[in-house]
Amino acid sequence: MKLDGHHVLIVEDEILIAMDLADIVRDAGAEVVGLAGSTQQAMSLIGTHCITVAILDVQLGKENSDEVANRLGISNIPFIFHTGGPVKKLGPSHWPHAPLISKPATSATIVAALAKVAKLPVPSF
């Protein structure tokens, strides 16, 4: 499955995970527009880059990614949640259209979820 032509924002506060996600996205043919480790960094990238799909970690240190999800939703930019912890009151429950992918996830799972929200054919692996 290719994500050719897509511009992906990765919002993840753990740099090694963010770099791994970036490799997965690039291997699938998409461009990574930026890695954001905080809500502030993500909002800045959303305001200055063309983004077609995003990956959001639910918990970013002491903050969550709800503000980022809100901004993406308002901008009609699809996204997936990628999280390793329990989901609290906010986050994915407020965004039923956004798939929740548990960490660790395979490359195939991440690419398939991105393809689904980006309305591309879902790959068979």
PDB file of N, CA and C in Angstrom:
ATOM      1  N   MET A   1       0.841  -1.185   0.000  1.00  0.00           N
ATOM      2  CA  MET A   1       0.000   0.000   0.000  1.00  0.00           C
ATOM      3  C   MET A   1       0.872   1.229   0.000  1.00  0.00           C
ATOM      4  N   LYS A   2       0.518   2.125  -0.798  1.00  0.00           N
ATOM      5  CA  LYS A   2       1.269   3.369  -0.875  1.00  0.00           C
ATOM      6  C   LYS A   2       0.403   4.526  -0.399  1.00  0.00           C
ATOM      7  N   LEU A   3       1.050   5.454   0.232  1.00  0.00           N
ATOM      8  CA  LEU A   3       0.410   6.684   0.670  1.00  0.00           C
ATOM      9  C   LEU A   3       0.941   7.846  -0.160  1.00  0.00           C
ATOM     10  N   ASP A   4       1.303   7.536  -1.408  1.00  0.00           N
ATOM     11  CA  ASP A   4       1.882   8.540  -2.297  1.00  0.00           C
ATOM     12  C   ASP A   4       1.027   9.800  -2.336  1.00  0.00           C
ATOM     13  N   GLY A   5       1.698  10.931  -2.286  1.00  0.00           N
ATOM     14  CA  GLY A   5       1.017  12.211  -2.386  1.00  0.00           C
ATOM     15  C   GLY A   5       0.488  12.742  -1.067  1.00  0.00           C
ATOM     16  N   HIS A   6       0.564  11.955  -0.017  1.00  0.00           N
ATOM     17  CA  HIS A   6       0.063  12.414   1.278  1.00  0.00           C
ATOM     18  C   HIS A   6       1.157  13.096   2.081  1.00  0.00           C
ATOM     19  N   HIS A   7       0.713  14.064   2.885  1.00  0.00           N
ATOM     20  CA  HIS A   7       1.598  14.833   3.751  1.00  0.00           C
ATOM     21  C   HIS A   7       1.141  14.570   5.181  1.00  0.00           C
ATOM     22  N   VAL A   8       2.003  13.911   5.951  1.00  0.00           N
ATOM     23  CA  VAL A   8       1.608  13.386   7.259  1.00  0.00           C
ATOM     24  C   VAL A   8       2.254  14.164   8.405  1.00  0.00           C
ATOM     25  N   LEU A   9       1.414  14.550   9.356  1.00  0.00           N
ATOM     26  CA  LEU A   9       1.875  15.147  10.604  1.00  0.00           C
ATOM     27  C   LEU A   9       1.918  14.040  11.649  1.00  0.00           C
ATOM     28  N   ILE A  10       3.019  13.938  12.370  1.00  0.00           N
ATOM     29  CA  ILE A  10       3.162  12.947  13.433  1.00  0.00           C
ATOM     30  C   ILE A  10       3.277  13.694  14.760  1.00  0.00           C
ATOM     31  N   VAL A  11       2.309  13.445  15.647  1.00  0.00           N
ATOM     32  CA  VAL A  11       2.277  14.083  16.957  1.00  0.00           C
ATOM     33  C   VAL A  11       2.546  12.994  17.986  1.00  0.00           C
ATOM     34  N   GLU A  12       3.769  12.978  18.483  1.00  0.00           N
ATOM     35  CA  GLU A  12       4.245  11.915  19.387  1.00  0.00           C
ATOM     36  C   GLU A  12       5.351  12.497  20.251  1.00  0.00           C
ATOM     37  N   ASP A  13       5.221  12.356  21.584  1.00  0.00           N
ATOM     38  CA  ASP A  13       6.216  12.951  22.473  1.00  0.00           C
ATOM     39  C   ASP A  13       7.430  12.073  22.728  1.00  0.00           C
ATOM     40  N   GLU A  14       7.394  10.822  22.334  1.00  0.00           N
ATOM     41  CA  GLU A  14       8.566   9.946  22.475  1.00  0.00           C
ATOM     42  C   GLU A  14       9.297   9.911  21.133  1.00  0.00           C
ATOM     43  N   ILE A  15      10.481  10.511  21.097  1.00  0.00           N
ATOM     44  CA  ILE A  15      11.193  10.742  19.835  1.00  0.00           C
ATOM     45  C   ILE A  15      11.500   9.457  19.075  1.00  0.00           C
ATOM     46  N   LEU A  16      11.851   8.372  19.760  1.00  0.00           N
ATOM     47  CA  LEU A  16      12.151   7.130  19.040  1.00  0.00           C
ATOM     48  C   LEU A  16      10.905   6.574  18.350  1.00  0.00           C
ATOM     49  N   ILE A  17       9.775   6.680  19.007  1.00  0.00           N
ATOM     50  CA  ILE A  17       8.521   6.232  18.388  1.00  0.00           C
ATOM     51  C   ILE A  17       8.183   7.145  17.214  1.00  0.00           C
ATOM     52  N   ALA A  18       8.356   8.441  17.400  1.00  0.00           N
ATOM     53  CA  ALA A  18       8.081   9.394  16.322  1.00  0.00           C
ATOM     54  C   ALA A  18       8.952   9.106  15.101  1.00  0.00           C
ATOM     55  N   MET A  19      10.230   8.824  15.345  1.00  0.00           N
ATOM     56  CA  MET A  19      11.134   8.523  14.232  1.00  0.00           C
ATOM     57  C   MET A  19      10.750   7.215  13.547  1.00  0.00           C
ATOM     58  N   ASP A  20      10.318   6.230  14.308  1.00  0.00           N
ATOM     59  CA  ASP A  20       9.866   4.964  13.740  1.00  0.00           C
ATOM     60  C   ASP A  20       8.617   5.190  12.881  1.00  0.00           C
ATOM     61  N   LEU A  21       7.674   5.969  13.388  1.00  0.00           N
ATOM     62  CA  LEU A  21       6.474   6.285  12.608  1.00  0.00           C
ATOM     63  C   LEU A  21       6.832   7.028  11.327  1.00  0.00           C
ATOM     64  N   ALA A  22       7.791   7.928  11.414  1.00  0.00           N
ATOM     65  CA  ALA A  22       8.223   8.666  10.221  1.00  0.00           C
ATOM     66  C   ALA A  22       8.793   7.721   9.170  1.00  0.00           C
ATOM     67  N   ASP A  23       9.581   6.755   9.605  1.00  0.00           N
ATOM     68  CA  ASP A  23      10.124   5.759   8.662  1.00  0.00           C
ATOM     69  C   ASP A  23       9.003   4.954   8.010  1.00  0.00           C
ATOM     70  N   ILE A  24       8.012   4.561   8.795  1.00  0.00           N
ATOM     71  CA  ILE A  24       6.881   3.793   8.264  1.00  0.00           C
ATOM     72  C   ILE A  24       6.139   4.605   7.216  1.00  0.00           C
ATOM     73  N   VAL A  25       5.878   5.858   7.524  1.00  0.00           N
ATOM     74  CA  VAL A  25       5.148   6.747   6.611  1.00  0.00           C
ATOM     75  C   VAL A  25       5.946   6.960   5.326  1.00  0.00           C
ATOM     76  N   ARG A  26       7.237   7.219   5.466  1.00  0.00           N
ATOM     77  CA  ARG A  26       8.079   7.427   4.274  1.00  0.00           C
ATOM     78  C   ARG A  26       8.170   6.161   3.431  1.00  0.00           C
ATOM     79  N   ASP A  27       8.304   5.011   4.083  1.00  0.00           N
ATOM     80  CA  ASP A  27       8.364   3.740   3.350  1.00  0.00           C
ATOM     81  C   ASP A  27       7.080   3.486   2.562  1.00  0.00           C
ATOM     82  N   ALA A  28       5.972   4.051   3.038  1.00  0.00           N
ATOM     83  CA  ALA A  28       4.696   3.891   2.348  1.00  0.00           C
ATOM     84  C   ALA A  28       4.502   4.949   1.259  1.00  0.00           C
ATOM     85  N   GLY A  29       5.489   5.818   1.089  1.00  0.00           N
ATOM     86  CA  GLY A  29       5.457   6.784  -0.009  1.00  0.00           C
ATOM     87  C   GLY A  29       4.959   8.171   0.342  1.00  0.00           C
ATOM     88  N   ALA A  30       4.647   8.431   1.605  1.00  0.00           N
ATOM     89  CA  ALA A  30       4.160   9.751   2.000  1.00  0.00           C
ATOM     90  C   ALA A  30       5.309  10.637   2.456  1.00  0.00           C
ATOM     91  N   GLU A  31       5.023  11.904   2.541  1.00  0.00           N
ATOM     92  CA  GLU A  31       5.994  12.874   3.053  1.00  0.00           C
ATOM     93  C   GLU A  31       5.623  13.200   4.495  1.00  0.00           C
ATOM     94  N   VAL A  32       6.610  13.239   5.363  1.00  0.00           N
ATOM     95  CA  VAL A  32       6.395  13.654   6.745  1.00  0.00           C
ATOM     96  C   VAL A  32       6.596  15.162   6.796  1.00  0.00           C
ATOM     97  N   VAL A  33       5.545  15.899   7.158  1.00  0.00           N
ATOM     98  CA  VAL A  33       5.661  17.353   7.203  1.00  0.00           C
ATOM     99  C   VAL A  33       6.285  17.822   8.510  1.00  0.00           C
ATOM    100  N   GLY A  34       6.251  16.973   9.524  1.00  0.00           N
ATOM    101  CA  GLY A  34       6.870  17.346  10.778  1.00  0.00           C
ATOM    102  C   GLY A  34       6.558  16.382  11.895  1.00  0.00           C
ATOM    103  N   LEU A  35       7.436  16.419  12.895  1.00  0.00           N
ATOM    104  CA  LEU A  35       7.251  15.655  14.123  1.00  0.00           C
ATOM    105  C   LEU A  35       6.987  16.666  15.230  1.00  0.00           C
ATOM    106  N   ALA A  36       5.896  16.485  15.943  1.00  0.00           N
ATOM    107  CA  ALA A  36       5.547  17.395  17.028  1.00  0.00           C
ATOM    108  C   ALA A  36       5.476  16.611  18.329  1.00  0.00           C
ATOM    109  N   GLY A  37       6.161  17.101  19.346  1.00  0.00           N
ATOM    110  CA  GLY A  37       6.152  16.439  20.644  1.00  0.00           C
ATOM    111  C   GLY A  37       5.217  17.091  21.641  1.00  0.00           C
ATOM    112  N   SER A  38       4.539  18.161  21.202  1.00  0.00           N
ATOM    113  CA  SER A  38       3.622  18.870  22.091  1.00  0.00           C
ATOM    114  C   SER A  38       2.473  19.447  21.275  1.00  0.00           C
ATOM    115  N   THR A  39       1.427  19.847  21.988  1.00  0.00           N
ATOM    116  CA  THR A  39       0.289  20.491  21.335  1.00  0.00           C
ATOM    117  C   THR A  39       0.736  21.757  20.621  1.00  0.00           C
ATOM    118  N   GLN A  40       1.556  22.558  21.274  1.00  0.00           N
ATOM    119  CA  GLN A  40       2.019  23.816  20.689  1.00  0.00           C
ATOM    120  C   GLN A  40       2.771  23.582  19.378  1.00  0.00           C
ATOM    121  N   GLN A  41       3.672  22.613  19.368  1.00  0.00           N
ATOM    122  CA  GLN A  41       4.412  22.316  18.136  1.00  0.00           C
ATOM    123  C   GLN A  41       3.465  21.833  17.041  1.00  0.00           C
ATOM    124  N   ALA A  42       2.510  20.983  17.402  1.00  0.00           N
ATOM    125  CA  ALA A  42       1.552  20.472  16.418  1.00  0.00           C
ATOM    126  C   ALA A  42       0.716  21.601  15.822  1.00  0.00           C
ATOM    127  N   MET A  43       0.236  22.493  16.666  1.00  0.00           N
ATOM    128  CA  MET A  43      -0.591  23.599  16.185  1.00  0.00           C
ATOM    129  C   MET A  43       0.204  24.505  15.244  1.00  0.00           C
ATOM    130  N   SER A  44       1.452  24.708  15.545  1.00  0.00           N
ATOM    131  CA  SER A  44       2.310  25.514  14.678  1.00  0.00           C
ATOM    132  C   SER A  44       2.467  24.853  13.307  1.00  0.00           C
ATOM    133  N   LEU A  45       2.706  23.541  13.299  1.00  0.00           N
ATOM    134  CA  LEU A  45       2.858  22.827  12.023  1.00  0.00           C
ATOM    135  C   LEU A  45       1.561  22.817  11.222  1.00  0.00           C
ATOM    136  N   ILE A  46       0.429  22.669  11.892  1.00  0.00           N
ATOM    137  CA  ILE A  46      -0.866  22.691  11.199  1.00  0.00           C
ATOM    138  C   ILE A  46      -1.075  24.047  10.535  1.00  0.00           C
ATOM    139  N   GLY A  47      -0.642  25.097  11.208  1.00  0.00           N
ATOM    140  CA  GLY A  47      -0.822  26.442  10.667  1.00  0.00           C
ATOM    141  C   GLY A  47       0.105  26.797   9.532  1.00  0.00           C
ATOM    142  N   THR A  48       1.183  26.039   9.354  1.00  0.00           N
ATOM    143  CA  THR A  48       2.179  26.427   8.356  1.00  0.00           C
ATOM    144  C   THR A  48       2.444  25.383   7.273  1.00  0.00           C
ATOM    145  N   HIS A  49       1.796  24.225   7.345  1.00  0.00           N
ATOM    146  CA  HIS A  49       2.053  23.165   6.370  1.00  0.00           C
ATOM    147  C   HIS A  49       0.762  22.604   5.783  1.00  0.00           C
ATOM    148  N   CYS A  50       0.880  22.074   4.603  1.00  0.00           N
ATOM    149  CA  CYS A  50      -0.216  21.342   3.983  1.00  0.00           C
ATOM    150  C   CYS A  50      -0.181  19.925   4.551  1.00  0.00           C
ATOM    151  N   ILE A  51      -1.218  19.552   5.271  1.00  0.00           N
ATOM    152  CA  ILE A  51      -1.298  18.230   5.900  1.00  0.00           C
ATOM    153  C   ILE A  51      -2.527  17.531   5.360  1.00  0.00           C
ATOM    154  N   THR A  52      -2.365  16.275   4.944  1.00  0.00           N
ATOM    155  CA  THR A  52      -3.509  15.530   4.422  1.00  0.00           C
ATOM    156  C   THR A  52      -3.986  14.447   5.378  1.00  0.00           C
ATOM    157  N   VAL A  53      -3.149  14.053   6.339  1.00  0.00           N
ATOM    158  CA  VAL A  53      -3.514  13.038   7.327  1.00  0.00           C
ATOM    159  C   VAL A  53      -2.522  13.137   8.488  1.00  0.00           C
ATOM    160  N   ALA A  54      -2.960  12.706   9.688  1.00  0.00           N
ATOM    161  CA  ALA A  54      -2.089  12.839  10.855  1.00  0.00           C
ATOM    162  C   ALA A  54      -2.174  11.609  11.749  1.00  0.00           C
ATOM    163  N   ILE A  55      -1.112  11.419  12.528  1.00  0.00           N
ATOM    164  CA  ILE A  55      -1.038  10.384  13.558  1.00  0.00           C
ATOM    165  C   ILE A  55      -0.893  11.119  14.887  1.00  0.00           C
ATOM    166  N   LEU A  56      -1.801  10.859  15.826  1.00  0.00           N
ATOM    167  CA  LEU A  56      -1.775  11.531  17.118  1.00  0.00           C
ATOM    168  C   LEU A  56      -1.591  10.549  18.257  1.00  0.00           C
ATOM    169  N   ASP A  57      -0.593  10.789  19.084  1.00  0.00           N
ATOM    170  CA  ASP A  57      -0.509  10.096  20.357  1.00  0.00           C
ATOM    171  C   ASP A  57      -1.560  10.758  21.243  1.00  0.00           C
ATOM    172  N   VAL A  58      -2.261   9.984  22.055  1.00  0.00           N
ATOM    173  CA  VAL A  58      -3.313  10.555  22.903  1.00  0.00           C
ATOM    174  C   VAL A  58      -2.703  11.412  24.008  1.00  0.00           C
ATOM    175  N   GLN A  59      -1.691  10.892  24.678  1.00  0.00           N
ATOM    176  CA  GLN A  59      -1.081  11.581  25.810  1.00  0.00           C
ATOM    177  C   GLN A  59       0.272  12.143  25.401  1.00  0.00           C
ATOM    178  N   LEU A  60       0.442  13.443  25.536  1.00  0.00           N
ATOM    179  CA  LEU A  60       1.690  14.124  25.197  1.00  0.00           C
ATOM    180  C   LEU A  60       2.264  14.706  26.481  1.00  0.00           C
ATOM    181  N   GLY A  61       3.026  13.903  27.192  1.00  0.00           N
ATOM    182  CA  GLY A  61       3.538  14.348  28.477  1.00  0.00           C
ATOM    183  C   GLY A  61       2.384  14.578  29.432  1.00  0.00           C
ATOM    184  N   LYS A  62       2.260  15.827  29.920  1.00  0.00           N
ATOM    185  CA  LYS A  62       1.182  16.156  30.862  1.00  0.00           C
ATOM    186  C   LYS A  62      -0.068  16.667  30.165  1.00  0.00           C
ATOM    187  N   GLU A  63      -0.033  16.784  28.850  1.00  0.00           N
ATOM    188  CA  GLU A  63      -1.199  17.248  28.105  1.00  0.00           C
ATOM    189  C   GLU A  63      -1.724  16.134  27.209  1.00  0.00           C
ATOM    190  N   ASN A  64      -2.912  16.334  26.653  1.00  0.00           N
ATOM    191  CA  ASN A  64      -3.416  15.355  25.693  1.00  0.00           C
ATOM    192  C   ASN A  64      -3.560  16.032  24.333  1.00  0.00           C
ATOM    193  N   SER A  65      -3.907  15.243  23.341  1.00  0.00           N
ATOM    194  CA  SER A  65      -3.933  15.761  21.965  1.00  0.00           C
ATOM    195  C   SER A  65      -5.314  16.220  21.507  1.00  0.00           C
ATOM    196  N   ASP A  66      -6.246  16.429  22.445  1.00  0.00           N
ATOM    197  CA  ASP A  66      -7.593  16.858  22.064  1.00  0.00           C
ATOM    198  C   ASP A  66      -7.615  18.172  21.284  1.00  0.00           C
ATOM    199  N   GLU A  67      -6.812  19.133  21.689  1.00  0.00           N
ATOM    200  CA  GLU A  67      -6.783  20.420  20.995  1.00  0.00           C
ATOM    201  C   GLU A  67      -6.320  20.231  19.544  1.00  0.00           C
ATOM    202  N   VAL A  68      -5.361  19.357  19.355  1.00  0.00           N
ATOM    203  CA  VAL A  68      -4.861  19.070  18.005  1.00  0.00           C
ATOM    204  C   VAL A  68      -5.949  18.366  17.196  1.00  0.00           C
ATOM    205  N   ALA A  69      -6.605  17.381  17.798  1.00  0.00           N
ATOM    206  CA  ALA A  69      -7.697  16.668  17.118  1.00  0.00           C
ATOM    207  C   ALA A  69      -8.802  17.643  16.719  1.00  0.00           C
ATOM    208  N   ASN A  70      -9.121  18.577  17.614  1.00  0.00           N
ATOM    209  CA  ASN A  70     -10.129  19.590  17.320  1.00  0.00           C
ATOM    210  C   ASN A  70      -9.748  20.405  16.097  1.00  0.00           C
ATOM    211  N   ARG A  71      -8.517  20.878  16.072  1.00  0.00           N
ATOM    212  CA  ARG A  71      -8.031  21.706  14.959  1.00  0.00           C
ATOM    213  C   ARG A  71      -8.039  20.926  13.651  1.00  0.00           C
ATOM    214  N   LEU A  72      -7.595  19.669  13.708  1.00  0.00           N
ATOM    215  CA  LEU A  72      -7.612  18.839  12.502  1.00  0.00           C
ATOM    216  C   LEU A  72      -9.044  18.610  12.027  1.00  0.00           C
ATOM    217  N   GLY A  73      -9.951  18.356  12.978  1.00  0.00           N
ATOM    218  CA  GLY A  73     -11.354  18.144  12.629  1.00  0.00           C
ATOM    219  C   GLY A  73     -11.966  19.357  11.955  1.00  0.00           C
ATOM    220  N   ILE A  74     -11.702  20.529  12.508  1.00  0.00           N
ATOM    221  CA  ILE A  74     -12.208  21.780  11.923  1.00  0.00           C
ATOM    222  C   ILE A  74     -11.657  21.972  10.511  1.00  0.00           C
ATOM    223  N   SER A  75     -10.426  21.547  10.302  1.00  0.00           N
ATOM    224  CA  SER A  75      -9.769  21.686   8.996  1.00  0.00           C
ATOM    225  C   SER A  75     -10.062  20.511   8.060  1.00  0.00           C
ATOM    226  N   ASN A  76     -10.915  19.583   8.487  1.00  0.00           N
ATOM    227  CA  ASN A  76     -11.252  18.393   7.687  1.00  0.00           C
ATOM    228  C   ASN A  76     -10.030  17.567   7.313  1.00  0.00           C
ATOM    229  N   ILE A  77      -9.094  17.459   8.242  1.00  0.00           N
ATOM    230  CA  ILE A  77      -7.901  16.640   8.034  1.00  0.00           C
ATOM    231  C   ILE A  77      -8.093  15.354   8.832  1.00  0.00           C
ATOM    232  N   PRO A  78      -8.133  14.206   8.161  1.00  0.00           N
ATOM    233  CA  PRO A  78      -8.329  12.946   8.884  1.00  0.00           C
ATOM    234  C   PRO A  78      -7.110  12.577   9.711  1.00  0.00           C
ATOM    235  N   PHE A  79      -7.340  11.788  10.760  1.00  0.00           N
ATOM    236  CA  PHE A  79      -6.249  11.384  11.634  1.00  0.00           C
ATOM    237  C   PHE A  79      -6.567  10.062  12.308  1.00  0.00           C
ATOM    238  N   ILE A  80      -5.499   9.447  12.823  1.00  0.00           N
ATOM    239  CA  ILE A  80      -5.636   8.247  13.641  1.00  0.00           C
ATOM    240  C   ILE A  80      -4.985   8.528  14.990  1.00  0.00           C
ATOM    241  N   PHE A  81      -5.453   7.809  16.012  1.00  0.00           N
ATOM    242  CA  PHE A  81      -4.807   7.858  17.322  1.00  0.00           C
ATOM    243  C   PHE A  81      -3.880   6.662  17.441  1.00  0.00           C
ATOM    244  N   HIS A  82      -2.705   6.891  18.016  1.00  0.00           N
ATOM    245  CA  HIS A  82      -1.706   5.840  18.227  1.00  0.00           C
ATOM    246  C   HIS A  82      -1.267   5.979  19.681  1.00  0.00           C
ATOM    247  N   THR A  83      -1.677   5.047  20.536  1.00  0.00           N
ATOM    248  CA  THR A  83      -1.430   5.227  21.963  1.00  0.00           C
ATOM    249  C   THR A  83      -1.003   3.946  22.656  1.00  0.00           C
ATOM    250  N   GLY A  84      -0.243   4.113  23.708  1.00  0.00           N
ATOM    251  CA  GLY A  84       0.231   2.965  24.468  1.00  0.00           C
ATOM    252  C   GLY A  84      -0.424   2.853  25.820  1.00  0.00           C
ATOM    253  N   GLY A  85      -1.166   3.855  26.215  1.00  0.00           N
ATOM    254  CA  GLY A  85      -1.755   3.850  27.542  1.00  0.00           C
ATOM    255  C   GLY A  85      -3.259   3.775  27.500  1.00  0.00           C
ATOM    256  N   PRO A  86      -3.854   3.725  28.674  1.00  0.00           N
ATOM    257  CA  PRO A  86      -5.312   3.704  28.739  1.00  0.00           C
ATOM    258  C   PRO A  86      -5.878   5.036  28.265  1.00  0.00           C
ATOM    259  N   VAL A  87      -7.013   4.973  27.623  1.00  0.00           N
ATOM    260  CA  VAL A  87      -7.660   6.180  27.115  1.00  0.00           C
ATOM    261  C   VAL A  87      -8.553   6.737  28.217  1.00  0.00           C
ATOM    262  N   LYS A  88      -8.360   8.005  28.540  1.00  0.00           N
ATOM    263  CA  LYS A  88      -9.130   8.653  29.600  1.00  0.00           C
ATOM    264  C   LYS A  88     -10.404   9.264  29.033  1.00  0.00           C
ATOM    265  N   LYS A  89     -11.008  10.175  29.767  1.00  0.00           N
ATOM    266  CA  LYS A  89     -12.280  10.777  29.383  1.00  0.00           C
ATOM    267  C   LYS A  89     -12.248  11.438  28.013  1.00  0.00           C
ATOM    268  N   LEU A  90     -11.158  12.110  27.705  1.00  0.00           N
ATOM    269  CA  LEU A  90     -11.071  12.815  26.436  1.00  0.00           C
ATOM    270  C   LEU A  90     -10.378  11.927  25.417  1.00  0.00           C
ATOM    271  N   GLY A  91     -10.042  12.477  24.304  1.00  0.00           N
ATOM    272  CA  GLY A  91      -9.312  11.704  23.305  1.00  0.00           C
ATOM    273  C   GLY A  91     -10.230  10.930  22.382  1.00  0.00           C
ATOM    274  N   PRO A  92      -9.888   9.693  22.065  1.00  0.00           N
ATOM    275  CA  PRO A  92     -10.576   8.931  21.040  1.00  0.00           C
ATOM    276  C   PRO A  92     -12.084   8.802  21.214  1.00  0.00           C
ATOM    277  N   SER A  93     -12.596   8.821  22.439  1.00  0.00           N
ATOM    278  CA  SER A  93     -14.042   8.678  22.608  1.00  0.00           C
ATOM    279  C   SER A  93     -14.806   9.860  22.009  1.00  0.00           C
ATOM    280  N   HIS A  94     -14.139  10.992  21.875  1.00  0.00           N
ATOM    281  CA  HIS A  94     -14.765  12.166  21.272  1.00  0.00           C
ATOM    282  C   HIS A  94     -14.610  12.185  19.749  1.00  0.00           C
ATOM    283  N   TRP A  95     -13.856  11.253  19.223  1.00  0.00           N
ATOM    284  CA  TRP A  95     -13.568  11.204  17.791  1.00  0.00           C
ATOM    285  C   TRP A  95     -13.809   9.783  17.277  1.00  0.00           C
ATOM    286  N   PRO A  96     -15.057   9.350  17.217  1.00  0.00           N
ATOM    287  CA  PRO A  96     -15.337   7.960  16.829  1.00  0.00           C
ATOM    288  C   PRO A  96     -14.906   7.600  15.411  1.00  0.00           C
ATOM    289  N   HIS A  97     -14.713   8.594  14.548  1.00  0.00           N
ATOM    290  CA  HIS A  97     -14.287   8.327  13.172  1.00  0.00           C
ATOM    291  C   HIS A  97     -12.779   8.077  13.073  1.00  0.00           C
ATOM    292  N   ALA A  98     -12.047   8.367  14.136  1.00  0.00           N
ATOM    293  CA  ALA A  98     -10.596   8.202  14.118  1.00  0.00           C
ATOM    294  C   ALA A  98     -10.222   6.862  14.741  1.00  0.00           C
ATOM    295  N   PRO A  99      -9.612   5.986  13.970  1.00  0.00           N
ATOM    296  CA  PRO A  99      -9.204   4.686  14.520  1.00  0.00           C
ATOM    297  C   PRO A  99      -8.228   4.835  15.680  1.00  0.00           C
ATOM    298  N   LEU A 100      -8.311   3.921  16.623  1.00  0.00           N
ATOM    299  CA  LEU A 100      -7.395   3.878  17.758  1.00  0.00           C
ATOM    300  C   LEU A 100      -6.474   2.683  17.563  1.00  0.00           C
ATOM    301  N   ILE A 101      -5.201   2.962  17.361  1.00  0.00           N
ATOM    302  CA  ILE A 101      -4.192   1.930  17.152  1.00  0.00           C
ATOM    303  C   ILE A 101      -3.357   1.840  18.429  1.00  0.00           C
ATOM    304  N   SER A 102      -3.272   0.653  19.014  1.00  0.00           N
ATOM    305  CA  SER A 102      -2.503   0.464  20.246  1.00  0.00           C
ATOM    306  C   SER A 102      -1.036   0.232  19.928  1.00  0.00           C
ATOM    307  N   LYS A 103      -0.179   0.831  20.781  1.00  0.00           N
ATOM    308  CA  LYS A 103       1.264   0.616  20.673  1.00  0.00           C
ATOM    309  C   LYS A 103       1.613  -0.690  21.370  1.00  0.00           C
ATOM    310  N   PRO A 104       2.531  -1.436  20.874  1.00  0.00           N
ATOM    311  CA  PRO A 104       3.179  -1.266  19.569  1.00  0.00           C
ATOM    312  C   PRO A 104       2.271  -1.810  18.468  1.00  0.00           C
ATOM    313  N   ALA A 105       2.376  -1.214  17.302  1.00  0.00           N
ATOM    314  CA  ALA A 105       1.583  -1.644  16.154  1.00  0.00           C
ATOM    315  C   ALA A 105       2.519  -1.946  14.992  1.00  0.00           C
ATOM    316  N   THR A 106       2.102  -2.846  14.147  1.00  0.00           N
ATOM    317  CA  THR A 106       2.912  -3.178  12.975  1.00  0.00           C
ATOM    318  C   THR A 106       2.828  -2.052  11.942  1.00  0.00           C
ATOM    319  N   SER A 107       3.788  -2.011  11.075  1.00  0.00           N
ATOM    320  CA  SER A 107       3.774  -1.041   9.980  1.00  0.00           C
ATOM    321  C   SER A 107       2.509  -1.198   9.151  1.00  0.00           C
ATOM    322  N   ALA A 108       2.150  -2.442   8.888  1.00  0.00           N
ATOM    323  CA  ALA A 108       0.963  -2.718   8.070  1.00  0.00           C
ATOM    324  C   ALA A 108      -0.299  -2.153   8.722  1.00  0.00           C
ATOM    325  N   THR A 109      -0.409  -2.287  10.035  1.00  0.00           N
ATOM    326  CA  THR A 109      -1.583  -1.784  10.746  1.00  0.00           C
ATOM    327  C   THR A 109      -1.657  -0.266  10.652  1.00  0.00           C
ATOM    328  N   ILE A 110      -0.538   0.393  10.834  1.00  0.00           N
ATOM    329  CA  ILE A 110      -0.502   1.860  10.784  1.00  0.00           C
ATOM    330  C   ILE A 110      -0.829   2.355   9.382  1.00  0.00           C
ATOM    331  N   VAL A 111      -0.209   1.772   8.378  1.00  0.00           N
ATOM    332  CA  VAL A 111      -0.452   2.193   6.994  1.00  0.00           C
ATOM    333  C   VAL A 111      -1.899   1.928   6.594  1.00  0.00           C
ATOM    334  N   ALA A 112      -2.446   0.786   6.983  1.00  0.00           N
ATOM    335  CA  ALA A 112      -3.842   0.476   6.659  1.00  0.00           C
ATOM    336  C   ALA A 112      -4.790   1.475   7.307  1.00  0.00           C
ATOM    337  N   ALA A 113      -4.524   1.854   8.551  1.00  0.00           N
ATOM    338  CA  ALA A 113      -5.383   2.820   9.243  1.00  0.00           C
ATOM    339  C   ALA A 113      -5.298   4.194   8.578  1.00  0.00           C
ATOM    340  N   LEU A 114      -4.091   4.610   8.204  1.00  0.00           N
ATOM    341  CA  LEU A 114      -3.937   5.883   7.501  1.00  0.00           C
ATOM    342  C   LEU A 114      -4.662   5.853   6.159  1.00  0.00           C
ATOM    343  N   ALA A 115      -4.518   4.750   5.444  1.00  0.00           N
ATOM    344  CA  ALA A 115      -5.184   4.611   4.147  1.00  0.00           C
ATOM    345  C   ALA A 115      -6.701   4.678   4.307  1.00  0.00           C
ATOM    346  N   LYS A 116      -7.205   4.064   5.353  1.00  0.00           N
ATOM    347  CA  LYS A 116      -8.654   4.049   5.581  1.00  0.00           C
ATOM    348  C   LYS A 116      -9.184   5.458   5.835  1.00  0.00           C
ATOM    349  N   VAL A 117      -8.541   6.203   6.734  1.00  0.00           N
ATOM    350  CA  VAL A 117      -9.053   7.545   7.022  1.00  0.00           C
ATOM    351  C   VAL A 117      -8.803   8.509   5.866  1.00  0.00           C
ATOM    352  N   ALA A 118      -7.761   8.239   5.069  1.00  0.00           N
ATOM    353  CA  ALA A 118      -7.473   9.071   3.909  1.00  0.00           C
ATOM    354  C   ALA A 118      -8.317   8.653   2.701  1.00  0.00           C
ATOM    355  N   LYS A 119      -9.151   7.637   2.922  1.00  0.00           N
ATOM    356  CA  LYS A 119     -10.063   7.111   1.902  1.00  0.00           C
ATOM    357  C   LYS A 119      -9.330   6.525   0.693  1.00  0.00           C
ATOM    358  N   LEU A 120      -8.219   5.835   0.980  1.00  0.00           N
ATOM    359  CA  LEU A 120      -7.482   5.103  -0.041  1.00  0.00           C
ATOM    360  C   LEU A 120      -7.878   3.639   0.055  1.00  0.00           C
ATOM    361  N   PRO A 121      -7.628   2.838  -0.973  1.00  0.00           N
ATOM    362  CA  PRO A 121      -7.889   1.411  -0.855  1.00  0.00           C
ATOM    363  C   PRO A 121      -7.072   0.819   0.285  1.00  0.00           C
ATOM    364  N   VAL A 122      -7.707   0.018   1.130  1.00  0.00           N
ATOM    365  CA  VAL A 122      -7.009  -0.598   2.252  1.00  0.00           C
ATOM    366  C   VAL A 122      -6.184  -1.760   1.717  1.00  0.00           C
ATOM    367  N   PRO A 123      -4.905  -1.797   2.066  1.00  0.00           N
ATOM    368  CA  PRO A 123      -4.019  -2.830   1.513  1.00  0.00           C
ATOM    369  C   PRO A 123      -4.280  -4.200   2.110  1.00  0.00           C
ATOM    370  N   SER A 124      -3.911  -5.219   1.372  1.00  0.00           N
ATOM    371  CA  SER A 124      -3.916  -6.576   1.923  1.00  0.00           C
ATOM    372  C   SER A 124      -2.463  -6.990   2.034  1.00  0.00           C
ATOM    373  N   PHE A 125      -2.075  -7.425   3.212  1.00  0.00           N
ATOM    374  CA  PHE A 125      -0.680  -7.796   3.448  1.00  0.00           C
ATOM    375  C   PHE A 125      -0.556  -9.278   3.622  1.00  0.00           C
TER     376      PHE A 125
END
